[in-house]
Protein backbone atom coordinates (compact mmCIF):
# COMPACT_ATOMS: atom_id res chain seq x y z
CA MET A 1 99.02 131.02 66.52
CA LYS A 2 98.13 127.35 65.39
CA GLU A 3 101.58 126.92 63.99
CA GLU A 4 103.24 128.60 67.13
CA VAL A 5 101.68 126.22 69.30
CA GLN A 6 102.43 123.41 67.21
CA GLU A 7 106.31 124.12 67.09
CA LEU A 8 105.82 124.95 70.77
CA TRP A 9 105.20 121.19 71.01
CA LEU A 10 107.94 119.52 68.70
CA GLN A 11 110.45 121.56 70.64
CA SER A 12 108.88 120.61 74.19
CA ALA A 13 109.27 116.77 72.46
CA LYS A 14 112.37 117.13 71.66
CA ASN A 15 114.01 118.50 74.82
CA PHE A 16 111.91 115.72 76.68
CA GLN A 17 113.27 113.23 74.57
CA THR A 18 116.99 114.24 74.83
CA SER A 19 115.97 114.41 78.74
CA MET A 20 114.25 111.07 78.34
CA ALA A 21 117.30 109.37 76.67
CA ASP A 22 119.60 111.54 79.14
CA THR A 23 118.28 109.78 82.54
CA MET A 24 117.80 106.13 81.07
CA THR A 25 121.38 106.21 80.40
CA LYS A 26 122.06 107.25 83.97
CA ALA A 27 119.59 104.51 84.92
CA PHE A 28 121.31 101.54 83.31
CA GLN A 29 125.31 102.82 84.48
CA SER A 30 123.09 103.22 88.45
CA PHE A 31 122.21 99.78 87.70
CA GLN A 32 125.52 98.75 86.36
CA ASN A 33 127.25 99.93 88.95
CA MET A 34 124.73 98.74 91.69
CA ASP A 35 123.63 101.70 93.45
CA LEU A 36 120.07 100.72 92.60
CA GLY A 37 120.51 97.69 94.49
CA GLU A 38 122.30 99.34 97.89
CA ALA A 39 119.07 101.69 97.62
CA SER A 40 116.47 99.03 97.32
CA ALA A 41 118.15 96.84 99.76
CA LYS A 42 117.90 100.44 102.31
CA LEU A 43 114.50 100.79 101.08
CA THR A 44 113.39 97.51 102.48
CA ASN A 45 115.69 97.32 105.47
CA PRO A 46 117.80 100.11 107.41
CA MET A 47 120.38 97.65 108.38
CA ALA A 48 120.72 96.09 104.60
CA LYS A 49 124.33 95.76 103.54
CA LYS A 50 124.95 96.47 99.83
CA PRO A 51 124.08 93.70 97.74
CA LYS A 52 126.40 91.71 95.04
CA ILE A 53 124.63 91.92 91.74
CA LYS A 54 125.41 92.01 88.42
CA PHE A 55 124.21 91.86 84.74
CA SER A 56 124.71 89.70 81.56
CA PRO A 57 126.56 92.76 78.90
CA GLU A 58 124.44 90.48 76.60
CA LYS A 59 121.51 91.12 78.23
CA LEU A 60 122.05 94.29 79.11
CA GLN A 61 122.88 95.59 75.14
CA ALA A 62 119.71 93.70 74.22
CA LEU A 63 117.63 96.02 76.52
CA GLN A 64 119.39 99.00 75.68
CA HIS A 65 118.63 98.20 72.10
CA GLN A 66 115.21 97.65 72.54
CA TYR A 67 114.49 100.85 74.78
CA MET A 68 115.92 102.69 71.62
CA LYS A 69 114.14 101.43 69.33
CA GLU A 70 110.83 101.70 71.28
CA ALA A 71 111.72 105.39 72.02
CA ALA A 72 111.87 105.85 68.27
CA ASP A 73 108.77 104.46 67.76
CA LEU A 74 107.59 106.30 70.22
CA TRP A 75 108.68 109.75 68.79
CA THR A 76 107.40 108.81 65.44
CA ASP A 77 104.21 107.74 66.64
CA SER A 78 103.48 111.75 68.14
CA VAL A 79 105.03 113.39 65.61
CA GLN A 80 102.41 111.51 63.27
CA GLY A 81 100.12 111.88 65.47
CA ASN A 82 98.94 107.76 66.66
CA LEU A 83 100.50 108.65 69.94
CA THR A 84 97.99 106.89 72.75
CA VAL A 85 98.24 105.77 75.94
CA THR A 86 95.91 102.82 78.03
CA ASP A 87 96.94 103.16 81.90
CA ARG A 88 94.16 104.10 83.62
CA ARG A 89 95.83 107.35 85.23
CA PHE A 90 96.08 109.03 82.22
CA SER A 91 92.21 107.59 80.74
CA ASP A 92 90.70 111.31 81.25
CA ASP A 93 90.32 113.09 77.79
CA ALA A 94 92.88 116.10 78.40
CA TRP A 95 95.56 114.06 78.35
CA ALA A 96 94.28 112.45 75.04
CA THR A 97 93.66 116.13 73.66
CA SER A 98 97.16 117.83 74.57
CA PRO A 99 99.88 116.18 72.15
CA VAL A 100 102.24 116.82 75.04
CA ALA A 101 100.60 115.37 77.83
CA THR A 102 100.43 112.14 75.75
CA PHE A 103 103.49 112.38 75.05
CA THR A 104 104.97 112.96 78.48
CA ALA A 105 102.32 109.85 79.53
CA ALA A 106 103.86 107.47 77.06
CA SER A 107 107.53 108.51 77.86
CA TYR A 108 106.84 107.57 81.52
CA LEU A 109 105.66 104.50 80.90
CA LEU A 110 108.40 103.58 78.26
CA ASN A 111 111.11 104.27 80.76
CA ALA A 112 108.93 102.69 83.71
CA LYS A 113 108.88 99.42 81.29
CA ALA A 114 112.80 99.52 80.72
CA LEU A 115 113.38 100.13 84.62
CA VAL A 116 111.66 96.99 85.36
CA GLN A 117 113.11 94.81 82.77
CA LEU A 118 116.46 96.13 83.82
CA ALA A 119 115.30 94.97 87.53
CA ASP A 120 114.30 91.80 86.55
CA ALA A 121 117.44 91.31 84.32
CA VAL A 122 119.98 91.39 87.51
CA GLU A 123 121.42 88.67 88.45
CA THR A 124 121.95 88.12 92.15
CA ASP A 125 119.77 85.83 94.88
CA ALA A 126 116.18 85.90 94.07
CA LYS A 127 115.56 87.59 97.60
CA THR A 128 117.68 90.84 96.42
CA ARG A 129 116.26 91.14 92.82
CA ALA A 130 112.62 91.00 94.30
CA ARG A 131 113.87 94.15 96.47
CA ILE A 132 115.45 95.77 93.88
CA ARG A 133 111.82 95.32 91.50
CA PHE A 134 109.98 96.63 94.54
CA ALA A 135 112.53 99.82 94.75
CA VAL A 136 111.45 100.28 90.92
CA GLU A 137 107.78 99.56 91.45
CA GLN A 138 108.03 102.72 94.11
CA ILE A 139 110.19 104.50 91.83
CA ASN A 140 107.72 104.54 88.87
CA ALA A 141 104.59 104.94 90.71
CA ALA A 142 106.60 108.12 92.49
CA THR A 143 107.44 109.68 89.40
CA ALA A 144 104.16 109.24 87.24
CA PRO A 145 103.60 112.55 85.53
CA SER A 146 100.26 112.04 86.51
CA ASN A 147 101.76 113.28 90.26
CA PHE A 148 103.05 116.46 89.73
CA MET A 149 100.50 119.32 88.34
CA ALA A 150 103.17 121.40 85.94
CA LEU A 151 102.48 117.66 84.16
CA ASN A 152 98.70 116.31 85.06
CA ALA A 153 96.60 117.73 81.86
CA GLU A 154 93.59 116.68 83.80
CA ALA A 155 94.62 118.32 86.59
CA GLN A 156 95.26 121.72 84.80
CA GLN A 157 92.02 121.59 82.86
CA LYS A 158 90.03 121.07 86.18
CA ALA A 159 91.76 124.26 87.67
CA ILE A 160 90.66 126.05 84.58
CA GLU A 161 87.06 125.28 84.46
CA THR A 162 87.06 126.08 88.49
CA GLN A 163 88.94 128.98 87.83
CA GLY A 164 90.98 127.69 90.23
CA LYS A 165 88.68 126.55 92.82
CA SER A 166 90.39 123.00 92.49
CA ILE A 167 93.90 124.43 93.91
CA ALA A 168 92.30 126.27 96.48
CA GLN A 169 90.65 123.02 98.23
CA GLY A 170 93.51 121.18 97.03
CA ILE A 171 95.60 123.06 99.31
CA GLN A 172 93.06 122.59 102.30
CA ASN A 173 92.65 118.92 101.51
CA LEU A 174 97.06 118.60 102.05
CA LEU A 175 96.88 120.50 105.28
CA HIS A 176 94.05 118.75 106.80
CA ASP A 177 95.73 116.02 106.30
CA MET A 178 98.90 116.96 107.36
CA GLN A 179 96.94 117.90 110.76
CA GLN A 180 95.74 114.34 110.73
CA GLY A 181 98.98 112.59 110.05
CA HIS A 182 97.80 110.20 106.67
CA VAL A 183 96.49 110.76 103.63
CA SER A 184 92.70 110.41 103.47
CA MET A 185 91.63 107.69 101.48
CA THR A 186 87.44 108.22 102.46
CA ASP A 187 85.11 111.42 104.37
CA GLU A 188 86.84 110.32 107.56
CA SER A 189 83.92 112.66 108.77
CA LEU A 190 81.06 111.11 107.35
CA PHE A 191 82.12 107.36 109.83
CA GLU A 192 81.63 106.87 113.65
CA VAL A 193 82.11 103.48 114.99
CA GLY A 194 79.13 102.29 116.70
CA LYS A 195 76.72 105.11 114.75
CA ASN A 196 77.11 103.54 111.22
CA VAL A 197 80.41 100.88 111.69
CA ALA A 198 80.31 98.41 113.71
CA THR A 199 76.67 98.68 114.87
CA THR A 200 75.52 95.08 115.50
CA GLU A 201 74.22 94.85 118.66
CA GLY A 202 75.64 93.88 121.84
CA ALA A 203 77.42 94.07 125.27
CA VAL A 204 80.82 94.05 126.61
CA VAL A 205 81.23 91.70 129.33
CA PHE A 206 84.63 91.27 129.98
CA GLU A 207 87.67 93.61 130.28
CA ASN A 208 91.17 93.70 130.54
CA GLU A 209 93.61 95.52 129.66
CA LEU A 210 94.41 93.94 126.52
CA PHE A 211 91.23 93.49 125.35
CA GLN A 212 86.95 93.63 125.79
CA LEU A 213 84.77 90.70 125.17
CA ILE A 214 81.80 91.45 123.34
CA GLU A 215 78.83 89.23 123.18
CA TYR A 216 75.72 89.54 120.79
CA LYS A 217 72.42 89.67 121.09
CA PRO A 218 71.06 86.53 119.30
CA LEU A 219 68.79 87.24 116.28
CA THR A 220 66.96 83.87 116.77
CA ASP A 221 64.78 81.87 119.66
CA LYS A 222 67.45 79.36 119.71
CA VAL A 223 70.96 78.97 119.26
CA PHE A 224 73.95 76.39 118.91
CA GLU A 225 74.86 75.11 122.74
CA LYS A 226 78.37 75.60 121.83
CA PRO A 227 79.46 79.28 121.60
CA PHE A 228 81.70 81.09 118.98
CA LEU A 229 84.12 82.89 119.25
CA LEU A 230 85.99 85.65 116.94
CA VAL A 231 89.88 86.36 117.28
CA PRO A 232 90.30 89.43 114.61
CA PRO A 233 94.10 90.74 114.15
CA SER A 234 95.71 92.85 116.68
CA ILE A 235 97.43 94.58 114.24
CA ASN A 236 93.53 96.53 113.32
CA LYS A 237 89.93 97.27 114.84
CA PHE A 238 87.50 94.36 114.77
CA TYR A 239 85.33 96.28 112.77
CA ILE A 240 86.09 94.57 109.59
CA LEU A 241 84.30 91.87 110.52
CA ASP A 242 81.18 94.32 111.24
CA LEU A 243 81.34 97.26 108.87
CA GLN A 244 77.66 97.26 107.56
CA PRO A 245 74.23 94.66 108.32
CA GLU A 246 74.41 93.19 105.18
CA ASN A 247 78.38 92.42 105.30
CA SER A 248 79.11 91.65 108.47
CA VAL A 249 80.53 88.17 109.16
CA VAL A 250 79.72 88.94 112.94
CA ARG A 251 75.86 89.52 111.70
CA TYR A 252 76.25 86.59 109.95
CA ALA A 253 77.26 84.27 112.37
CA VAL A 254 74.87 85.57 115.07
CA SER A 255 71.63 85.06 112.45
CA GLN A 256 72.48 82.16 111.32
CA GLY A 257 71.99 80.86 115.22
CA HIS A 258 75.49 81.05 116.92
CA ARG A 259 75.65 82.86 120.06
CA THR A 260 78.83 85.16 119.27
CA PHE A 261 81.13 86.41 121.03
CA LEU A 262 84.54 88.53 119.88
CA VAL A 263 87.94 89.96 121.30
CA SER A 264 88.01 93.74 120.98
CA TRP A 265 91.40 94.77 121.19
CA ARG A 266 92.75 97.95 123.06
CA ASN A 267 94.81 100.48 121.09
CA PRO A 268 98.04 100.22 123.16
CA ASP A 269 99.07 103.05 124.56
CA ALA A 270 102.39 103.68 126.53
CA SER A 271 100.87 101.55 129.28
CA LEU A 272 101.15 98.87 127.27
CA ALA A 273 104.80 99.25 125.75
CA LYS A 274 106.40 96.11 127.26
CA ALA A 275 103.68 93.35 126.51
CA THR A 276 104.95 90.12 125.05
CA TRP A 277 103.47 87.71 122.23
CA ASP A 278 102.96 85.26 125.90
CA ASP A 279 100.83 87.91 127.66
CA TYR A 280 98.38 88.27 124.49
CA ILE A 281 98.27 84.79 124.10
CA GLU A 282 97.82 84.14 128.21
CA ASN A 283 95.78 87.05 129.29
CA ALA A 284 93.73 87.30 125.92
CA VAL A 285 93.04 84.60 123.65
CA ILE A 286 93.27 82.52 126.28
CA LYS A 287 91.49 84.31 128.34
CA ALA A 288 88.62 85.21 125.80
CA ILE A 289 88.24 81.43 125.50
CA THR A 290 87.61 81.12 129.47
CA VAL A 291 85.23 83.94 129.91
CA THR A 292 83.07 82.92 126.67
CA GLN A 293 82.66 79.23 128.62
CA GLU A 294 82.04 80.67 131.86
CA VAL A 295 79.59 83.22 130.77
CA THR A 296 77.97 80.34 128.43
CA GLY A 297 77.83 77.68 130.90
CA SER A 298 79.67 75.78 127.49
CA LYS A 299 82.78 72.90 128.13
CA THR A 300 83.93 73.62 124.65
CA ILE A 301 83.18 76.85 122.14
CA ASN A 302 84.06 76.87 118.58
CA ALA A 303 86.66 79.84 117.54
CA LEU A 304 87.72 81.98 114.44
CA GLY A 305 90.90 83.80 113.89
CA PHE A 306 91.11 86.00 111.03
CA CYS A 307 94.86 87.15 109.93
CA VAL A 308 96.96 87.27 112.65
CA GLY A 309 94.62 87.10 114.96
CA GLY A 310 94.38 83.08 113.36
CA THR A 311 98.21 82.65 113.88
CA MET A 312 97.28 84.27 118.01
CA LEU A 313 94.32 81.33 117.70
CA GLY A 314 96.91 78.62 116.58
CA THR A 315 99.43 79.37 119.36
CA ALA A 316 97.04 79.78 122.21
CA LEU A 317 95.56 76.11 120.93
CA ALA A 318 98.83 74.87 121.10
CA VAL A 319 99.46 75.98 124.48
CA LEU A 320 96.05 74.54 125.47
CA ALA A 321 96.61 71.15 123.91
CA ALA A 322 100.45 70.92 125.94
CA ARG A 323 98.49 71.49 129.42
CA GLY A 324 96.02 68.97 128.62
CA GLU A 325 93.17 71.27 127.80
CA LYS A 326 91.33 71.27 124.66
CA PRO A 327 88.25 73.80 125.56
CA VAL A 328 88.22 74.64 121.31
CA ALA A 329 86.08 71.93 119.64
CA SER A 330 86.69 73.42 116.12
CA ALA A 331 88.59 76.39 114.88
CA THR A 332 88.50 78.65 111.78
CA PHE A 333 91.16 80.13 110.32
CA LEU A 334 90.25 82.95 107.57
CA THR A 335 93.47 84.17 105.74
CA SER A 336 95.77 83.46 108.30
CA MET A 337 99.61 81.97 108.48
CA LEU A 338 100.75 79.20 110.89
CA ASP A 339 103.19 78.25 108.32
CA PHE A 340 105.58 81.24 107.37
CA SER A 341 107.75 79.50 104.40
CA ASP A 342 105.74 81.79 101.76
CA THR A 343 104.63 85.20 103.13
CA GLY A 344 105.00 86.86 99.74
CA VAL A 345 106.03 90.57 99.25
CA LEU A 346 106.05 91.23 103.15
CA ASP A 347 109.31 88.86 102.46
CA LEU A 348 111.12 91.81 100.79
CA PHE A 349 112.06 93.20 104.40
CA ILE A 350 112.46 90.34 106.60
CA ASP A 351 116.18 89.53 107.45
CA GLU A 352 118.19 88.98 110.28
CA GLY A 353 119.12 92.67 110.13
CA PHE A 354 115.54 93.86 109.85
CA VAL A 355 114.50 91.86 112.40
CA LYS A 356 117.57 92.32 115.08
CA TYR A 357 116.99 96.46 114.68
CA ARG A 358 113.37 95.98 115.90
CA GLU A 359 114.64 94.00 118.68
CA GLN A 360 117.53 96.34 119.52
CA GLU A 361 114.61 99.04 119.12
CA MET A 362 111.41 97.92 120.64
CA GLY A 363 112.03 94.37 122.06
CA LYS A 364 112.37 95.29 125.56
CA GLY A 365 109.74 98.21 124.94
CA GLY A 366 108.24 100.80 123.00
CA LEU A 367 105.24 100.82 120.10
CA MET A 368 105.39 100.09 116.55
CA LYS A 369 103.56 103.25 115.73
CA GLY A 370 99.90 102.01 113.66
CA LYS A 371 100.36 104.83 111.12
CA ASP A 372 104.10 103.40 110.11
CA LEU A 373 102.36 99.79 109.61
CA ALA A 374 99.44 101.63 107.91
CA SER A 375 102.11 103.12 105.32
CA THR A 376 104.08 99.88 104.80
CA PHE A 377 100.78 98.11 103.66
CA SER A 378 99.92 100.96 101.48
CA PHE A 379 102.95 100.92 99.87
CA LEU A 380 102.57 97.47 98.66
CA ARG A 381 100.00 98.95 96.48
CA PRO A 382 101.44 102.87 96.11
CA ASN A 383 99.20 103.44 92.71
CA GLU A 384 95.95 102.32 94.12
CA LEU A 385 96.76 103.09 98.32
CA VAL A 386 98.97 106.09 97.96
CA TRP A 387 99.04 108.07 94.80
CA ASN A 388 95.80 107.75 93.49
CA TYR A 389 94.64 110.02 96.88
CA VAL A 390 97.79 112.19 96.78
CA VAL A 391 96.11 113.21 92.82
CA GLY A 392 92.29 113.41 93.61
CA ASN A 393 93.07 114.98 97.19
CA TYR A 394 95.51 117.30 96.38
CA LEU A 395 95.80 118.17 92.70
CA LYS A 396 92.62 118.06 91.85
CA GLY A 397 90.60 119.10 94.91
CA GLU A 398 88.71 116.14 95.11
CA THR A 399 86.75 114.95 98.69
CA PRO A 400 87.40 111.04 98.18
CA PRO A 401 83.65 109.52 98.30
CA PRO A 402 82.19 107.65 101.72
CA PHE A 403 83.94 104.24 101.63
CA ASP A 404 83.54 101.87 105.16
CA LEU A 405 86.32 100.01 104.31
CA LEU A 406 88.75 102.35 103.44
CA TYR A 407 87.70 104.55 107.17
CA TRP A 408 88.20 101.03 108.65
CA ASN A 409 92.14 100.99 106.95
CA SER A 410 92.95 104.28 108.21
CA ASP A 411 91.68 103.80 111.80
CA SER A 412 95.38 102.35 112.80
CA THR A 413 96.46 100.68 115.91
CA ASN A 414 99.87 100.62 117.44
CA LEU A 415 101.71 97.11 118.68
CA PRO A 416 103.64 96.26 121.81
CA GLY A 417 107.51 96.90 120.78
CA PRO A 418 107.98 93.13 122.65
CA PHE A 419 104.91 91.30 121.13
CA TYR A 420 105.64 92.72 117.27
CA ALA A 421 109.49 91.57 117.66
CA TRP A 422 108.73 88.11 118.82
CA TYR A 423 106.24 88.14 115.98
CA LEU A 424 108.96 88.83 113.56
CA ARG A 425 111.41 86.85 114.50
CA ASN A 426 109.30 83.46 115.69
CA THR A 427 107.13 83.67 112.29
CA TYR A 428 108.55 85.61 109.55
CA LEU A 429 112.33 85.13 110.13
CA GLU A 430 112.68 81.77 111.72
CA ASN A 431 109.27 80.07 111.16
CA ASN A 432 109.26 78.12 114.76
CA LEU A 433 105.73 77.75 114.88
CA THR A 434 105.83 75.01 112.51
CA LYS A 435 108.89 73.07 114.25
CA PRO A 436 107.60 71.06 117.31
CA GLY A 437 109.14 72.68 120.29
CA LYS A 438 111.46 75.25 118.65
CA ALA A 439 109.13 78.23 120.30
CA THR A 440 108.11 78.64 123.83
CA VAL A 441 104.81 80.57 124.78
CA CYS A 442 103.55 80.74 128.02
CA GLY A 443 106.18 78.19 129.21
CA GLU A 444 105.00 75.55 127.04
CA GLN A 445 106.48 73.85 124.21
CA VAL A 446 104.33 75.07 120.67
CA ASP A 447 103.63 71.92 118.55
CA LEU A 448 101.10 72.36 116.32
CA GLY A 449 100.49 68.60 115.77
CA LYS A 450 99.07 67.93 119.14
CA VAL A 451 96.14 70.83 118.12
CA ASP A 452 93.62 67.66 116.79
CA ILE A 453 90.39 69.33 116.41
CA PRO A 454 88.43 70.06 113.49
CA VAL A 455 89.38 72.83 111.40
CA TYR A 456 88.12 75.10 108.50
CA ILE A 457 90.80 76.75 106.76
CA TYR A 458 90.00 79.63 104.40
CA GLY A 459 92.66 81.24 101.33
CA SER A 460 91.71 84.02 99.06
CA ARG A 461 93.41 83.62 95.33
CA GLU A 462 94.58 87.03 94.93
CA ASP A 463 95.82 87.82 99.08
CA HIS A 464 99.55 89.86 98.80
CA ILE A 465 99.17 89.88 102.36
CA VAL A 466 98.65 86.50 103.07
CA PRO A 467 99.54 84.34 100.16
CA ILE A 468 97.26 81.49 99.08
CA ASN A 469 100.19 79.00 99.53
CA GLY A 470 100.72 80.17 102.97
CA ALA A 471 97.16 79.80 103.89
CA TYR A 472 96.65 76.29 102.34
CA ALA A 473 100.21 75.61 104.57
CA THR A 474 98.28 75.19 107.78
CA THR A 475 96.54 71.80 106.50
CA GLN A 476 100.14 70.30 106.90
CA PHE A 477 100.31 70.98 110.11
CA LEU A 478 97.05 70.70 111.78
CA PRO A 479 96.41 66.82 112.80
CA GLY A 480 92.72 66.90 112.78
CA LYS A 481 90.08 66.98 110.00
CA LYS A 482 90.57 69.67 107.89
CA ARG A 483 88.65 71.52 105.16
CA PHE A 484 90.30 73.82 102.77
CA VAL A 485 87.87 76.39 100.68
CA MET A 486 89.76 79.29 98.24
CA GLY A 487 87.98 82.33 97.27
CA ALA A 488 88.68 85.21 94.82
CA SER A 489 89.98 88.39 95.25
CA GLY A 490 92.50 89.53 97.91
CA HIS A 491 92.98 89.76 101.56
CA ILE A 492 89.71 91.78 102.32
CA ALA A 493 87.29 91.97 100.08
CA GLY A 494 87.63 87.55 98.99
CA VAL A 495 86.71 87.40 103.17
CA ILE A 496 83.85 90.02 103.25
CA ASN A 497 81.70 88.51 100.89
CA PRO A 498 78.23 88.05 102.01
CA PRO A 499 75.76 85.28 100.17
CA ALA A 500 73.35 87.95 99.00
CA LYS A 501 75.72 90.11 97.00
CA GLY A 502 75.91 86.80 94.35
CA LYS A 503 79.52 87.94 93.67
CA ARG A 504 82.88 86.19 93.08
CA SER A 505 83.29 82.81 93.22
CA HIS A 506 85.18 79.91 95.37
CA TRP A 507 86.85 76.75 95.23
CA ILE A 508 85.95 73.05 96.91
CA ARG A 509 87.55 69.98 96.84
CA GLU A 510 85.11 67.72 97.32
CA ASP A 511 86.87 64.55 97.84
CA GLY A 512 88.78 66.04 100.95
CA LYS A 513 91.96 65.59 99.65
CA LEU A 514 94.95 67.91 101.20
CA PRO A 515 98.30 67.26 99.12
CA LYS A 516 101.18 68.92 100.12
CA ALA A 517 101.11 71.61 97.56
CA HIS A 518 98.02 74.52 96.77
CA GLU A 519 98.90 73.69 93.05
CA GLN A 520 98.03 69.85 93.53
CA TRP A 521 95.02 70.70 95.49
CA LEU A 522 93.46 73.11 93.19
CA GLU A 523 94.05 70.62 90.16
CA GLY A 524 91.20 68.64 92.00
CA ALA A 525 89.16 71.37 93.00
CA VAL A 526 85.75 72.83 91.40
CA GLU A 527 84.18 76.27 91.22
CA HIS A 528 81.63 77.13 92.73
CA LYS A 529 79.94 80.88 92.34
CA GLY A 530 78.89 83.49 95.06
CA SER A 531 80.33 83.61 98.70
CA TRP A 532 81.87 80.56 100.48
CA TRP A 533 80.08 82.05 103.78
CA THR A 534 77.03 79.51 103.26
CA ASP A 535 80.01 76.71 102.85
CA TRP A 536 81.70 77.72 106.40
CA SER A 537 78.17 78.48 107.80
CA ASN A 538 76.87 74.69 107.05
CA TRP A 539 80.43 73.03 108.35
CA LEU A 540 80.60 75.55 111.46
CA ALA A 541 76.33 74.14 112.01
CA SER A 542 77.86 70.56 111.98
CA GLN A 543 80.30 71.63 114.72
CA ALA A 544 78.52 73.33 116.99
CA GLY A 545 75.91 70.84 118.86
CA LYS A 546 71.77 70.89 119.06
CA GLU A 547 70.18 73.71 119.61
CA VAL A 548 68.64 75.41 122.78
CA PRO A 549 67.21 78.73 123.61
CA ALA A 550 68.23 82.03 123.10
CA PRO A 551 69.52 83.74 126.27
CA LYS A 552 67.31 86.79 127.68
CA ALA A 553 70.46 88.94 128.58
CA TYR A 554 74.16 89.30 128.74
CA GLY A 555 76.85 87.63 130.79
CA LYS A 556 76.46 85.51 133.62
CA GLY A 557 77.48 85.79 137.28
CA LYS A 558 80.76 87.90 137.89
CA HIS A 559 80.80 88.58 134.08
CA LYS A 560 78.07 91.97 133.96
CA VAL A 561 77.37 94.60 131.11
CA ILE A 562 80.07 96.90 131.54
CA GLU A 563 78.96 99.00 128.44
CA ALA A 564 77.17 98.17 125.16
CA ALA A 565 78.78 97.19 122.00
CA PRO A 566 81.12 98.24 120.32
CA GLY A 567 82.76 98.70 123.36
CA SER A 568 85.32 102.01 124.39
CA TYR A 569 88.44 99.93 123.01
CA VAL A 570 87.91 100.70 119.33
CA LYS A 571 87.11 103.89 119.55
CA ALA A 572 90.51 104.66 120.56
CA LYS A 573 92.62 106.05 118.37
CA ALA A 574 96.62 105.35 117.56
């Protein structure tokens, strides 16, 4: 019996090797025929034309020779029983104990590597090459043997051990996710906004069709005289800044003695399908600043913008400056871009054709659906944010563990079409905010050079949404006194990093110099262990004025309590 199994395995391996060689031959031919180049362009931009690409014959031949040699080595190792794989997708013992599974995984990894090398060898412009690389990464992620029950040794083993219950549960999970419209990343039934996320105590003291303004209850007997307003991105729910008490930026600010307010965006529906960028700047960001002043009686406030919220805050400050108004005494920009010269991987999707397509589709009305935005961001990291959950939920019948961050990530928001179209053209495509007078917002010409206030600028080193170069570039366009700090990790983990955890690092350049390039800044920067929050808190306190007795009630005058925080807007689903 053992010999029969061995013979079956050898025959299967030979068949797979033949199939693999045939597939890769077609892949090389496909690249040479430019088919994948065209497909990659369409993947990132439905209006894209077939790109011009070519290969160096010598480089192509060298890659073919390298591939055949590595394929032969793989075969030899498999026959001798020396084949191993180190990819975490195949780390379970079930893969290692099955020669066929090990060979399948190793063959896949070889093919995936060869495709990436082919993509990198394309002779074309940098953007087209990056698009081809992105397309190849999507193909590689989707075709991993771990994604298929017939090839996934771990899922098969679990099905045997559970007597098929894991398969039955996987089908139930699939039906559930089809009904809710997205792949479950966590057990969403365990979370409720206002119950175990977004729990910092406060009250809504103002609302209009675009946002609710939340005032938070002081946690100190005295507060700084200048209130503090947070502007989160309208592309997400605000409670990324208020997940749990121990990692809440909101609660931290309140605990440091700041009288804290926050913009909670309405989740747009058909009634907001014609809302524009101007509407959001005038009737949301600027309005929130005004109401915060009216509630507190303060002539000036301090403000913070996170991600797109930072872009919106910067735009609003430029509009106010053009009007000769200066209600914001200092601003904090967290992983935000005002200069869109370096937009990282998102640049793959943006060109004139794509922007025109979106303008025609929704520039005069419509909604950019939250689930589409969420899907785009998830596929920037397909193995971690897509296929990992497909395998776990459906093939292995697992329920993903509770994780507040992933619950927030799945709680998507829509965007008004005109707002979205203006944003695409004036930031990602034309970078107009950095060109004095080029962009007109709320009837005013935008000139960031007139926003002369102290600013604190934070960027995350591994951020794939706002690249560190993009975050740093803000230092070159605002004329006031600036402090730049870089944190470790990515777009969210780098920001949500409370001091009590003692995790990660941040970098500061104490001489205060801000050379043109981030790489030059980094040469003089010093690493400090732990969170950047403490440094920011000290800076913000220096901008906040004297301490005064904390208020005993929410709101003031016409701005009365509407409902308890977190309010109703944040609970609306896309």
